Amino acid sequence: AAGLLRPIGGYVSDLLARKERDILPVFTGRYREQWTFVTLCFVVLTMF
């Protein structure tokens, strides 16, 4: 999972930046940053 799914993380970042799409009500206009923040939060939750 940690290896083979990694391209999806990069692809979504590229896609959001290319389409200029916000996925969070905060960090407006910072498309790659929004996606990175969401994924970091997910990591914390899965460790619990």
ModelCIF file with pLDDT and N, C-alpha, C, O atoms, coordinates in Angstrom:
data_MODEL
#
_entry.id   MODEL 
#
_entity.id                         1 
_entity.type                       polymer 
_entity.pdbx_number_of_molecules   1 
#
_entity_poly.entity_id                      1 
_entity_poly.type                           'polypeptide(L)' 
_entity_poly.nstd_linkage                   no 
_entity_poly.nstd_monomer                   no 
_entity_poly.pdbx_seq_one_letter_code       AAGLLRPIGGYVSDLLARKERDILPVFTGRYREQWTFVTLCFVVLTMF 
_entity_poly.pdbx_seq_one_letter_code_can   AAGLLRPIGGYVSDLLARKERDILPVFTGRYREQWTFVTLCFVVLTMF 
_entity_poly.pdbx_strand_id                 A 
#
loop_
_entity_poly_seq.entity_id 
_entity_poly_seq.num 
_entity_poly_seq.mon_id 
_entity_poly_seq.hetero 
1 1  ALA n 
1 2  ALA n 
1 3  GLY n 
1 4  LEU n 
1 5  LEU n 
1 6  ARG n 
1 7  PRO n 
1 8  ILE n 
1 9  GLY n 
1 10 GLY n 
1 11 TYR n 
1 12 VAL n 
1 13 SER n 
1 14 ASP n 
1 15 LEU n 
1 16 LEU n 
1 17 ALA n 
1 18 ARG n 
1 19 LYS n 
1 20 GLU n 
1 21 ARG n 
1 22 ASP n 
1 23 ILE n 
1 24 LEU n 
1 25 PRO n 
1 26 VAL n 
1 27 PHE n 
1 28 THR n 
1 29 GLY n 
1 30 ARG n 
1 31 TYR n 
1 32 ARG n 
1 33 GLU n 
1 34 GLN n 
1 35 TRP n 
1 36 THR n 
1 37 PHE n 
1 38 VAL n 
1 39 THR n 
1 40 LEU n 
1 41 CYS n 
1 42 PHE n 
1 43 VAL n 
1 44 VAL n 
1 45 LEU n 
1 46 THR n 
1 47 MET n 
1 48 PHE n 
#
_struct_asym.id          A 
_struct_asym.entity_id   1 
#
loop_
_ma_qa_metric.id 
_ma_qa_metric.mode 
_ma_qa_metric.name 
_ma_qa_metric.software_group_id 
_ma_qa_metric.type 
1 global pLDDT . pLDDT 
2 local  pLDDT . pLDDT 
#
_ma_qa_metric_global.metric_id      1 
_ma_qa_metric_global.metric_value   91.44 
_ma_qa_metric_global.model_id       1 
_ma_qa_metric_global.ordinal_id     1 
#
loop_
_ma_qa_metric_local.label_asym_id 
_ma_qa_metric_local.label_comp_id 
_ma_qa_metric_local.label_seq_id 
_ma_qa_metric_local.metric_id 
_ma_qa_metric_local.metric_value 
_ma_qa_metric_local.model_id 
_ma_qa_metric_local.ordinal_id 
A ALA 1  2 89.00 1 1  
A ALA 2  2 87.00 1 2  
A GLY 3  2 79.00 1 3  
A LEU 4  2 81.00 1 4  
A LEU 5  2 88.00 1 5  
A ARG 6  2 87.00 1 6  
A PRO 7  2 87.00 1 7  
A ILE 8  2 92.00 1 8  
A GLY 9  2 92.00 1 9  
A GLY 10 2 89.00 1 10 
A TYR 11 2 91.00 1 11 
A VAL 12 2 93.00 1 12 
A SER 13 2 91.00 1 13 
A ASP 14 2 88.00 1 14 
A LEU 15 2 92.00 1 15 
A LEU 16 2 92.00 1 16 
A ALA 17 2 89.00 1 17 
A ARG 18 2 88.00 1 18 
A LYS 19 2 90.00 1 19 
A GLU 20 2 90.00 1 20 
A ARG 21 2 91.00 1 21 
A ASP 22 2 92.00 1 22 
A ILE 23 2 92.00 1 23 
A LEU 24 2 89.00 1 24 
A PRO 25 2 84.00 1 25 
A VAL 26 2 86.00 1 26 
A PHE 27 2 90.00 1 27 
A THR 28 2 90.00 1 28 
A GLY 29 2 90.00 1 29 
A ARG 30 2 91.00 1 30 
A TYR 31 2 91.00 1 31 
A ARG 32 2 90.00 1 32 
A GLU 33 2 92.00 1 33 
A GLN 34 2 94.00 1 34 
A TRP 35 2 95.00 1 35 
A THR 36 2 95.00 1 36 
A PHE 37 2 96.00 1 37 
A VAL 38 2 96.00 1 38 
A THR 39 2 97.00 1 39 
A LEU 40 2 97.00 1 40 
A CYS 41 2 97.00 1 41 
A PHE 42 2 97.00 1 42 
A VAL 43 2 97.00 1 43 
A VAL 44 2 97.00 1 44 
A LEU 45 2 97.00 1 45 
A THR 46 2 97.00 1 46 
A MET 47 2 97.00 1 47 
A PHE 48 2 97.00 1 48 
#
loop_
_atom_site.group_PDB 
_atom_site.id 
_atom_site.type_symbol 
_atom_site.label_atom_id 
_atom_site.label_alt_id 
_atom_site.label_comp_id 
_atom_site.label_asym_id 
_atom_site.label_entity_id 
_atom_site.label_seq_id 
_atom_site.pdbx_PDB_ins_code 
_atom_site.Cartn_x 
_atom_site.Cartn_y 
_atom_site.Cartn_z 
_atom_site.occupancy 
_atom_site.B_iso_or_equiv 
_atom_site.pdbx_formal_charge 
_atom_site.auth_seq_id 
_atom_site.auth_comp_id 
_atom_site.auth_asym_id 
_atom_site.auth_atom_id 
_atom_site.pdbx_PDB_model_num 
ATOM 1   N N  . ALA A 1 1  ? 0.828   -1.206 0.000   1.00 89.00 ? 1  ALA A N  1 
ATOM 2   C CA . ALA A 1 1  ? 0.000   0.000  0.000   1.00 89.00 ? 1  ALA A CA 1 
ATOM 3   C C  . ALA A 1 1  ? 0.862   1.255  0.000   1.00 89.00 ? 1  ALA A C  1 
ATOM 4   O O  . ALA A 1 1  ? 0.607   2.183  -0.767  1.00 89.00 ? 1  ALA A O  1 
ATOM 5   N N  . ALA A 1 2  ? 1.887   1.289  0.861   1.00 87.00 ? 2  ALA A N  1 
ATOM 6   C CA . ALA A 1 2  ? 2.735   2.474  0.990   1.00 87.00 ? 2  ALA A CA 1 
ATOM 7   C C  . ALA A 1 2  ? 3.529   2.749  -0.281  1.00 87.00 ? 2  ALA A C  1 
ATOM 8   O O  . ALA A 1 2  ? 3.874   3.896  -0.567  1.00 87.00 ? 2  ALA A O  1 
ATOM 9   N N  . GLY A 1 3  ? 3.817   1.696  -1.044  1.00 79.00 ? 3  GLY A N  1 
ATOM 10  C CA . GLY A 1 3  ? 4.582   1.878  -2.266  1.00 79.00 ? 3  GLY A CA 1 
ATOM 11  C C  . GLY A 1 3  ? 3.738   2.111  -3.495  1.00 79.00 ? 3  GLY A C  1 
ATOM 12  O O  . GLY A 1 3  ? 3.850   3.149  -4.147  1.00 79.00 ? 3  GLY A O  1 
ATOM 13  N N  . LEU A 1 4  ? 2.893   1.149  -3.815  1.00 81.00 ? 4  LEU A N  1 
ATOM 14  C CA . LEU A 1 4  ? 2.195   1.175  -5.097  1.00 81.00 ? 4  LEU A CA 1 
ATOM 15  C C  . LEU A 1 4  ? 1.119   2.249  -5.185  1.00 81.00 ? 4  LEU A C  1 
ATOM 16  O O  . LEU A 1 4  ? 0.746   2.644  -6.290  1.00 81.00 ? 4  LEU A O  1 
ATOM 17  N N  . LEU A 1 5  ? 0.607   2.735  -4.052  1.00 88.00 ? 5  LEU A N  1 
ATOM 18  C CA . LEU A 1 5  ? -0.430  3.765  -4.100  1.00 88.00 ? 5  LEU A CA 1 
ATOM 19  C C  . LEU A 1 5  ? 0.138   5.179  -4.105  1.00 88.00 ? 5  LEU A C  1 
ATOM 20  O O  . LEU A 1 5  ? -0.606  6.152  -4.230  1.00 88.00 ? 5  LEU A O  1 
ATOM 21  N N  . ARG A 1 6  ? 1.429   5.289  -3.973  1.00 87.00 ? 6  ARG A N  1 
ATOM 22  C CA . ARG A 1 6  ? 2.050   6.616  -3.909  1.00 87.00 ? 6  ARG A CA 1 
ATOM 23  C C  . ARG A 1 6  ? 1.808   7.456  -5.171  1.00 87.00 ? 6  ARG A C  1 
ATOM 24  O O  . ARG A 1 6  ? 1.606   8.665  -5.050  1.00 87.00 ? 6  ARG A O  1 
ATOM 25  N N  . PRO A 1 7  ? 1.820   6.871  -6.370  1.00 87.00 ? 7  PRO A N  1 
ATOM 26  C CA . PRO A 1 7  ? 1.543   7.691  -7.557  1.00 87.00 ? 7  PRO A CA 1 
ATOM 27  C C  . PRO A 1 7  ? 0.198   8.410  -7.496  1.00 87.00 ? 7  PRO A C  1 
ATOM 28  O O  . PRO A 1 7  ? 0.038   9.483  -8.078  1.00 87.00 ? 7  PRO A O  1 
ATOM 29  N N  . ILE A 1 8  ? -0.771  7.820  -6.791  1.00 92.00 ? 8  ILE A N  1 
ATOM 30  C CA . ILE A 1 8  ? -2.083  8.468  -6.678  1.00 92.00 ? 8  ILE A CA 1 
ATOM 31  C C  . ILE A 1 8  ? -1.949  9.794  -5.934  1.00 92.00 ? 8  ILE A C  1 
ATOM 32  O O  . ILE A 1 8  ? -2.574  10.786 -6.307  1.00 92.00 ? 8  ILE A O  1 
ATOM 33  N N  . GLY A 1 9  ? -1.130  9.808  -4.879  1.00 92.00 ? 9  GLY A N  1 
ATOM 34  C CA . GLY A 1 9  ? -0.910  11.047 -4.140  1.00 92.00 ? 9  GLY A CA 1 
ATOM 35  C C  . GLY A 1 9  ? -0.336  12.143 -5.017  1.00 92.00 ? 9  GLY A C  1 
ATOM 36  O O  . GLY A 1 9  ? -0.772  13.292 -4.942  1.00 92.00 ? 9  GLY A O  1 
ATOM 37  N N  . GLY A 1 10 ? 0.651   11.796 -5.858  1.00 89.00 ? 10 GLY A N  1 
ATOM 38  C CA . GLY A 1 10 ? 1.237   12.774 -6.767  1.00 89.00 ? 10 GLY A CA 1 
ATOM 39  C C  . GLY A 1 10 ? 0.282   13.189 -7.858  1.00 89.00 ? 10 GLY A C  1 
ATOM 40  O O  . GLY A 1 10 ? 0.227   14.361 -8.233  1.00 89.00 ? 10 GLY A O  1 
ATOM 41  N N  . TYR A 1 11 ? -0.478  12.225 -8.376  1.00 91.00 ? 11 TYR A N  1 
ATOM 42  C CA . TYR A 1 11 ? -1.418  12.523 -9.457  1.00 91.00 ? 11 TYR A CA 1 
ATOM 43  C C  . TYR A 1 11 ? -2.523  13.472 -8.991  1.00 91.00 ? 11 TYR A C  1 
ATOM 44  O O  . TYR A 1 11 ? -2.865  14.421 -9.696  1.00 91.00 ? 11 TYR A O  1 
ATOM 45  N N  . VAL A 1 12 ? -3.080  13.219 -7.804  1.00 93.00 ? 12 VAL A N  1 
ATOM 46  C CA . VAL A 1 12 ? -4.138  14.103 -7.289  1.00 93.00 ? 12 VAL A CA 1 
ATOM 47  C C  . VAL A 1 12 ? -3.594  15.513 -7.083  1.00 93.00 ? 12 VAL A C  1 
ATOM 48  O O  . VAL A 1 12 ? -4.283  16.490 -7.376  1.00 93.00 ? 12 VAL A O  1 
ATOM 49  N N  . SER A 1 13 ? -2.370  15.626 -6.586  1.00 91.00 ? 13 SER A N  1 
ATOM 50  C CA . SER A 1 13 ? -1.757  16.946 -6.405  1.00 91.00 ? 13 SER A CA 1 
ATOM 51  C C  . SER A 1 13 ? -1.624  17.674 -7.738  1.00 91.00 ? 13 SER A C  1 
ATOM 52  O O  . SER A 1 13 ? -1.945  18.858 -7.838  1.00 91.00 ? 13 SER A O  1 
ATOM 53  N N  . ASP A 1 14 ? -1.146  16.958 -8.770  1.00 88.00 ? 14 ASP A N  1 
ATOM 54  C CA . ASP A 1 14 ? -1.047  17.536 -10.113 1.00 88.00 ? 14 ASP A CA 1 
ATOM 55  C C  . ASP A 1 14 ? -2.422  17.956 -10.629 1.00 88.00 ? 14 ASP A C  1 
ATOM 56  O O  . ASP A 1 14 ? -2.579  19.039 -11.193 1.00 88.00 ? 14 ASP A O  1 
ATOM 57  N N  . LEU A 1 15 ? -3.406  17.095 -10.431 1.00 92.00 ? 15 LEU A N  1 
ATOM 58  C CA . LEU A 1 15 ? -4.750  17.330 -10.945 1.00 92.00 ? 15 LEU A CA 1 
ATOM 59  C C  . LEU A 1 15 ? -5.388  18.563 -10.311 1.00 92.00 ? 15 LEU A C  1 
ATOM 60  O O  . LEU A 1 15 ? -5.960  19.399 -11.010 1.00 92.00 ? 15 LEU A O  1 
ATOM 61  N N  . LEU A 1 16 ? -5.288  18.674 -8.985  1.00 92.00 ? 16 LEU A N  1 
ATOM 62  C CA . LEU A 1 16 ? -5.868  19.825 -8.298  1.00 92.00 ? 16 LEU A CA 1 
ATOM 63  C C  . LEU A 1 16 ? -5.185  21.120 -8.712  1.00 92.00 ? 16 LEU A C  1 
ATOM 64  O O  . LEU A 1 16 ? -5.841  22.148 -8.880  1.00 92.00 ? 16 LEU A O  1 
ATOM 65  N N  . ALA A 1 17 ? -3.862  21.070 -8.878  1.00 89.00 ? 17 ALA A N  1 
ATOM 66  C CA . ALA A 1 17 ? -3.131  22.266 -9.300  1.00 89.00 ? 17 ALA A CA 1 
ATOM 67  C C  . ALA A 1 17 ? -3.487  22.660 -10.723 1.00 89.00 ? 17 ALA A C  1 
ATOM 68  O O  . ALA A 1 17 ? -3.629  23.842 -11.033 1.00 89.00 ? 17 ALA A O  1 
ATOM 69  N N  . ARG A 1 18 ? -3.631  21.657 -11.589 1.00 88.00 ? 18 ARG A N  1 
ATOM 70  C CA . ARG A 1 18 ? -3.941  21.916 -12.992 1.00 88.00 ? 18 ARG A CA 1 
ATOM 71  C C  . ARG A 1 18 ? -5.355  22.470 -13.169 1.00 88.00 ? 18 ARG A C  1 
ATOM 72  O O  . ARG A 1 18 ? -5.585  23.367 -13.980 1.00 88.00 ? 18 ARG A O  1 
ATOM 73  N N  . LYS A 1 19 ? -6.287  21.927 -12.405 1.00 90.00 ? 19 LYS A N  1 
ATOM 74  C CA . LYS A 1 19 ? -7.689  22.365 -12.515 1.00 90.00 ? 19 LYS A CA 1 
ATOM 75  C C  . LYS A 1 19 ? -8.024  23.509 -11.558 1.00 90.00 ? 19 LYS A C  1 
ATOM 76  O O  . LYS A 1 19 ? -9.127  24.056 -11.582 1.00 90.00 ? 19 LYS A O  1 
ATOM 77  N N  . GLU A 1 20 ? -7.046  23.858 -10.713 1.00 90.00 ? 20 GLU A N  1 
ATOM 78  C CA . GLU A 1 20 ? -7.228  24.937 -9.735  1.00 90.00 ? 20 GLU A CA 1 
ATOM 79  C C  . GLU A 1 20 ? -8.493  24.705 -8.898  1.00 90.00 ? 20 GLU A C  1 
ATOM 80  O O  . GLU A 1 20 ? -9.382  25.553 -8.831  1.00 90.00 ? 20 GLU A O  1 
ATOM 81  N N  . ARG A 1 21 ? -8.540  23.547 -8.273  1.00 91.00 ? 21 ARG A N  1 
ATOM 82  C CA . ARG A 1 21 ? -9.728  23.136 -7.532  1.00 91.00 ? 21 ARG A CA 1 
ATOM 83  C C  . ARG A 1 21 ? -9.443  23.112 -6.029  1.00 91.00 ? 21 ARG A C  1 
ATOM 84  O O  . ARG A 1 21 ? -8.494  22.467 -5.582  1.00 91.00 ? 21 ARG A O  1 
ATOM 85  N N  . ASP A 1 22 ? -10.272 23.821 -5.251  1.00 92.00 ? 22 ASP A N  1 
ATOM 86  C CA . ASP A 1 22 ? -10.177 23.817 -3.789  1.00 92.00 ? 22 ASP A CA 1 
ATOM 87  C C  . ASP A 1 22 ? -10.945 22.623 -3.234  1.00 92.00 ? 22 ASP A C  1 
ATOM 88  O O  . ASP A 1 22 ? -12.066 22.350 -3.663  1.00 92.00 ? 22 ASP A O  1 
ATOM 89  N N  . ILE A 1 23 ? -10.342 21.906 -2.273  1.00 92.00 ? 23 ILE A N  1 
ATOM 90  C CA . ILE A 1 23 ? -11.029 20.789 -1.635  1.00 92.00 ? 23 ILE A CA 1 
ATOM 91  C C  . ILE A 1 23 ? -11.226 21.041 -0.138  1.00 92.00 ? 23 ILE A C  1 
ATOM 92  O O  . ILE A 1 23 ? -11.817 20.214 0.557   1.00 92.00 ? 23 ILE A O  1 
ATOM 93  N N  . LEU A 1 24 ? -10.734 22.178 0.358   1.00 89.00 ? 24 LEU A N  1 
ATOM 94  C CA . LEU A 1 24 ? -10.914 22.562 1.757   1.00 89.00 ? 24 LEU A CA 1 
ATOM 95  C C  . LEU A 1 24 ? -11.384 24.006 1.817   1.00 89.00 ? 24 LEU A C  1 
ATOM 96  O O  . LEU A 1 24 ? -11.049 24.806 0.943   1.00 89.00 ? 24 LEU A O  1 
ATOM 97  N N  . PRO A 1 25 ? -12.158 24.347 2.843   1.00 84.00 ? 25 PRO A N  1 
ATOM 98  C CA . PRO A 1 25 ? -12.590 25.744 2.989   1.00 84.00 ? 25 PRO A CA 1 
ATOM 99  C C  . PRO A 1 25 ? -11.453 26.662 3.444   1.00 84.00 ? 25 PRO A C  1 
ATOM 100 O O  . PRO A 1 25 ? -11.586 27.886 3.405   1.00 84.00 ? 25 PRO A O  1 
ATOM 101 N N  . VAL A 1 26 ? -10.342 26.072 3.874   1.00 86.00 ? 26 VAL A N  1 
ATOM 102 C CA . VAL A 1 26 ? -9.166  26.854 4.248   1.00 86.00 ? 26 VAL A CA 1 
ATOM 103 C C  . VAL A 1 26 ? -8.077  26.646 3.197   1.00 86.00 ? 26 VAL A C  1 
ATOM 104 O O  . VAL A 1 26 ? -8.187  25.766 2.343   1.00 86.00 ? 26 VAL A O  1 
ATOM 105 N N  . PHE A 1 27 ? -7.026  27.464 3.268   1.00 90.00 ? 27 PHE A N  1 
ATOM 106 C CA . PHE A 1 27 ? -5.917  27.418 2.303   1.00 90.00 ? 27 PHE A CA 1 
ATOM 107 C C  . PHE A 1 27 ? -6.418  27.654 0.880   1.00 90.00 ? 27 PHE A C  1 
ATOM 108 O O  . PHE A 1 27 ? -5.933  27.024 -0.060  1.00 90.00 ? 27 PHE A O  1 
ATOM 109 N N  . THR A 1 28 ? -7.378  28.550 0.718   1.00 90.00 ? 28 THR A N  1 
ATOM 110 C CA . THR A 1 28 ? -7.976  28.812 -0.598  1.00 90.00 ? 28 THR A CA 1 
ATOM 111 C C  . THR A 1 28 ? -6.915  29.190 -1.625  1.00 90.00 ? 28 THR A C  1 
ATOM 112 O O  . THR A 1 28 ? -6.071  30.052 -1.382  1.00 90.00 ? 28 THR A O  1 
ATOM 113 N N  . GLY A 1 29 ? -6.976  28.532 -2.767  1.00 90.00 ? 29 GLY A N  1 
ATOM 114 C CA . GLY A 1 29 ? -6.050  28.817 -3.856  1.00 90.00 ? 29 GLY A CA 1 
ATOM 115 C C  . GLY A 1 29 ? -4.724  28.078 -3.761  1.00 90.00 ? 29 GLY A C  1 
ATOM 116 O O  . GLY A 1 29 ? -3.924  28.118 -4.695  1.00 90.00 ? 29 GLY A O  1 
ATOM 117 N N  . ARG A 1 30 ? -4.485  27.400 -2.637  1.00 91.00 ? 30 ARG A N  1 
ATOM 118 C CA . ARG A 1 30 ? -3.248  26.624 -2.466  1.00 91.00 ? 30 ARG A CA 1 
ATOM 119 C C  . ARG A 1 30 ? -3.608  25.145 -2.628  1.00 91.00 ? 30 ARG A C  1 
ATOM 120 O O  . ARG A 1 30 ? -3.809  24.426 -1.650  1.00 91.00 ? 30 ARG A O  1 
ATOM 121 N N  . TYR A 1 31 ? -3.682  24.717 -3.877  1.00 91.00 ? 31 TYR A N  1 
ATOM 122 C CA . TYR A 1 31 ? -4.284  23.429 -4.203  1.00 91.00 ? 31 TYR A CA 1 
ATOM 123 C C  . TYR A 1 31 ? -3.432  22.244 -3.748  1.00 91.00 ? 31 TYR A C  1 
ATOM 124 O O  . TYR A 1 31 ? -3.949  21.292 -3.162  1.00 91.00 ? 31 TYR A O  1 
ATOM 125 N N  . ARG A 1 32 ? -2.138  22.303 -4.017  1.00 90.00 ? 32 ARG A N  1 
ATOM 126 C CA . ARG A 1 32 ? -1.273  21.210 -3.583  1.00 90.00 ? 32 ARG A CA 1 
ATOM 127 C C  . ARG A 1 32 ? -1.214  21.142 -2.056  1.00 90.00 ? 32 ARG A C  1 
ATOM 128 O O  . ARG A 1 32 ? -1.206  20.052 -1.484  1.00 90.00 ? 32 ARG A O  1 
ATOM 129 N N  . GLU A 1 33 ? -1.173  22.297 -1.399  1.00 92.00 ? 33 GLU A N  1 
ATOM 130 C CA . GLU A 1 33 ? -1.096  22.342 0.058   1.00 92.00 ? 33 GLU A CA 1 
ATOM 131 C C  . GLU A 1 33 ? -2.335  21.739 0.710   1.00 92.00 ? 33 GLU A C  1 
ATOM 132 O O  . GLU A 1 33 ? -2.233  21.043 1.721   1.00 92.00 ? 33 GLU A O  1 
ATOM 133 N N  . GLN A 1 34 ? -3.499  22.004 0.135   1.00 94.00 ? 34 GLN A N  1 
ATOM 134 C CA . GLN A 1 34 ? -4.735  21.452 0.699   1.00 94.00 ? 34 GLN A CA 1 
ATOM 135 C C  . GLN A 1 34 ? -4.697  19.920 0.703   1.00 94.00 ? 34 GLN A C  1 
ATOM 136 O O  . GLN A 1 34 ? -5.039  19.282 1.698   1.00 94.00 ? 34 GLN A O  1 
ATOM 137 N N  . TRP A 1 35 ? -4.284  19.354 -0.403  1.00 95.00 ? 35 TRP A N  1 
ATOM 138 C CA . TRP A 1 35 ? -4.241  17.910 -0.520  1.00 95.00 ? 35 TRP A CA 1 
ATOM 139 C C  . TRP A 1 35 ? -3.215  17.320 0.447   1.00 95.00 ? 35 TRP A C  1 
ATOM 140 O O  . TRP A 1 35 ? -3.488  16.302 1.082   1.00 95.00 ? 35 TRP A O  1 
ATOM 141 N N  . THR A 1 36 ? -2.060  17.933 0.567   1.00 95.00 ? 36 THR A N  1 
ATOM 142 C CA . THR A 1 36 ? -1.042  17.452 1.497   1.00 95.00 ? 36 THR A CA 1 
ATOM 143 C C  . THR A 1 36 ? -1.565  17.468 2.929   1.00 95.00 ? 36 THR A C  1 
ATOM 144 O O  . THR A 1 36 ? -1.343  16.516 3.678   1.00 95.00 ? 36 THR A O  1 
ATOM 145 N N  . PHE A 1 37 ? -2.258  18.535 3.316   1.00 96.00 ? 37 PHE A N  1 
ATOM 146 C CA . PHE A 1 37 ? -2.784  18.652 4.675   1.00 96.00 ? 37 PHE A CA 1 
ATOM 147 C C  . PHE A 1 37 ? -3.807  17.547 4.968   1.00 96.00 ? 37 PHE A C  1 
ATOM 148 O O  . PHE A 1 37 ? -3.790  16.953 6.046   1.00 96.00 ? 37 PHE A O  1 
ATOM 149 N N  . VAL A 1 38 ? -4.678  17.283 4.027   1.00 96.00 ? 38 VAL A N  1 
ATOM 150 C CA . VAL A 1 38 ? -5.689  16.228 4.204   1.00 96.00 ? 38 VAL A CA 1 
ATOM 151 C C  . VAL A 1 38 ? -5.011  14.874 4.420   1.00 96.00 ? 38 VAL A C  1 
ATOM 152 O O  . VAL A 1 38 ? -5.414  14.111 5.299   1.00 96.00 ? 38 VAL A O  1 
ATOM 153 N N  . THR A 1 39 ? -4.009  14.582 3.641   1.00 97.00 ? 39 THR A N  1 
ATOM 154 C CA . THR A 1 39 ? -3.339  13.280 3.750   1.00 97.00 ? 39 THR A CA 1 
ATOM 155 C C  . THR A 1 39 ? -2.591  13.149 5.076   1.00 97.00 ? 39 THR A C  1 
ATOM 156 O O  . THR A 1 39 ? -2.546  12.058 5.646   1.00 97.00 ? 39 THR A O  1 
ATOM 157 N N  . LEU A 1 40 ? -2.006  14.228 5.577   1.00 97.00 ? 40 LEU A N  1 
ATOM 158 C CA . LEU A 1 40 ? -1.306  14.174 6.863   1.00 97.00 ? 40 LEU A CA 1 
ATOM 159 C C  . LEU A 1 40 ? -2.282  13.885 8.004   1.00 97.00 ? 40 LEU A C  1 
ATOM 160 O O  . LEU A 1 40 ? -1.980  13.101 8.904   1.00 97.00 ? 40 LEU A O  1 
ATOM 161 N N  . CYS A 1 41 ? -3.432  14.511 7.961   1.00 97.00 ? 41 CYS A N  1 
ATOM 162 C CA . CYS A 1 41 ? -4.450  14.246 8.980   1.00 97.00 ? 41 CYS A CA 1 
ATOM 163 C C  . CYS A 1 41 ? -4.888  12.782 8.947   1.00 97.00 ? 41 CYS A C  1 
ATOM 164 O O  . CYS A 1 41 ? -5.118  12.168 9.989   1.00 97.00 ? 41 CYS A O  1 
ATOM 165 N N  . PHE A 1 42 ? -4.999  12.242 7.753   1.00 97.00 ? 42 PHE A N  1 
ATOM 166 C CA . PHE A 1 42 ? -5.407  10.849 7.604   1.00 97.00 ? 42 PHE A CA 1 
ATOM 167 C C  . PHE A 1 42 ? -4.381  9.905  8.226   1.00 97.00 ? 42 PHE A C  1 
ATOM 168 O O  . PHE A 1 42 ? -4.754  8.901  8.833   1.00 97.00 ? 42 PHE A O  1 
ATOM 169 N N  . VAL A 1 43 ? -3.100  10.215 8.081   1.00 97.00 ? 43 VAL A N  1 
ATOM 170 C CA . VAL A 1 43 ? -2.043  9.386  8.656   1.00 97.00 ? 43 VAL A CA 1 
ATOM 171 C C  . VAL A 1 43 ? -2.185  9.322  10.179  1.00 97.00 ? 43 VAL A C  1 
ATOM 172 O O  . VAL A 1 43 ? -2.087  8.245  10.767  1.00 97.00 ? 43 VAL A O  1 
ATOM 173 N N  . VAL A 1 44 ? -2.414  10.472 10.814  1.00 97.00 ? 44 VAL A N  1 
ATOM 174 C CA . VAL A 1 44 ? -2.563  10.510 12.271  1.00 97.00 ? 44 VAL A CA 1 
ATOM 175 C C  . VAL A 1 44 ? -3.728  9.626  12.720  1.00 97.00 ? 44 VAL A C  1 
ATOM 176 O O  . VAL A 1 44 ? -3.592  8.852  13.667  1.00 97.00 ? 44 VAL A O  1 
ATOM 177 N N  . LEU A 1 45 ? -4.851  9.741  12.053  1.00 97.00 ? 45 LEU A N  1 
ATOM 178 C CA . LEU A 1 45 ? -6.027  8.964  12.425  1.00 97.00 ? 45 LEU A CA 1 
ATOM 179 C C  . LEU A 1 45 ? -5.783  7.463  12.278  1.00 97.00 ? 45 LEU A C  1 
ATOM 180 O O  . LEU A 1 45 ? -6.208  6.679  13.127  1.00 97.00 ? 45 LEU A O  1 
ATOM 181 N N  . THR A 1 46 ? -5.104  7.064  11.210  1.00 97.00 ? 46 THR A N  1 
ATOM 182 C CA . THR A 1 46 ? -4.867  5.629  11.002  1.00 97.00 ? 46 THR A CA 1 
ATOM 183 C C  . THR A 1 46 ? -3.905  5.053  12.038  1.00 97.00 ? 46 THR A C  1 
ATOM 184 O O  . THR A 1 46 ? -3.992  3.868  12.361  1.00 97.00 ? 46 THR A O  1 
ATOM 185 N N  . MET A 1 47 ? -2.993  5.865  12.562  1.00 97.00 ? 47 MET A N  1 
ATOM 186 C CA . MET A 1 47 ? -2.085  5.376  13.591  1.00 97.00 ? 47 MET A CA 1 
ATOM 187 C C  . MET A 1 47 ? -2.826  5.100  14.901  1.00 97.00 ? 47 MET A C  1 
ATOM 188 O O  . MET A 1 47 ? -2.524  4.126  15.589  1.00 97.00 ? 47 MET A O  1 
ATOM 189 N N  . PHE A 1 48 ? -3.780  5.941  15.242  1.00 97.00 ? 48 PHE A N  1 
ATOM 190 C CA . PHE A 1 48 ? -4.632  5.630  16.391  1.00 97.00 ? 48 PHE A CA 1 
ATOM 191 C C  . PHE A 1 48 ? -5.417  4.345  16.123  1.00 97.00 ? 48 PHE A C  1 
ATOM 192 O O  . PHE A 1 48 ? -6.195  3.909  16.971  1.00 97.00 ? 48 PHE A O  1 
#
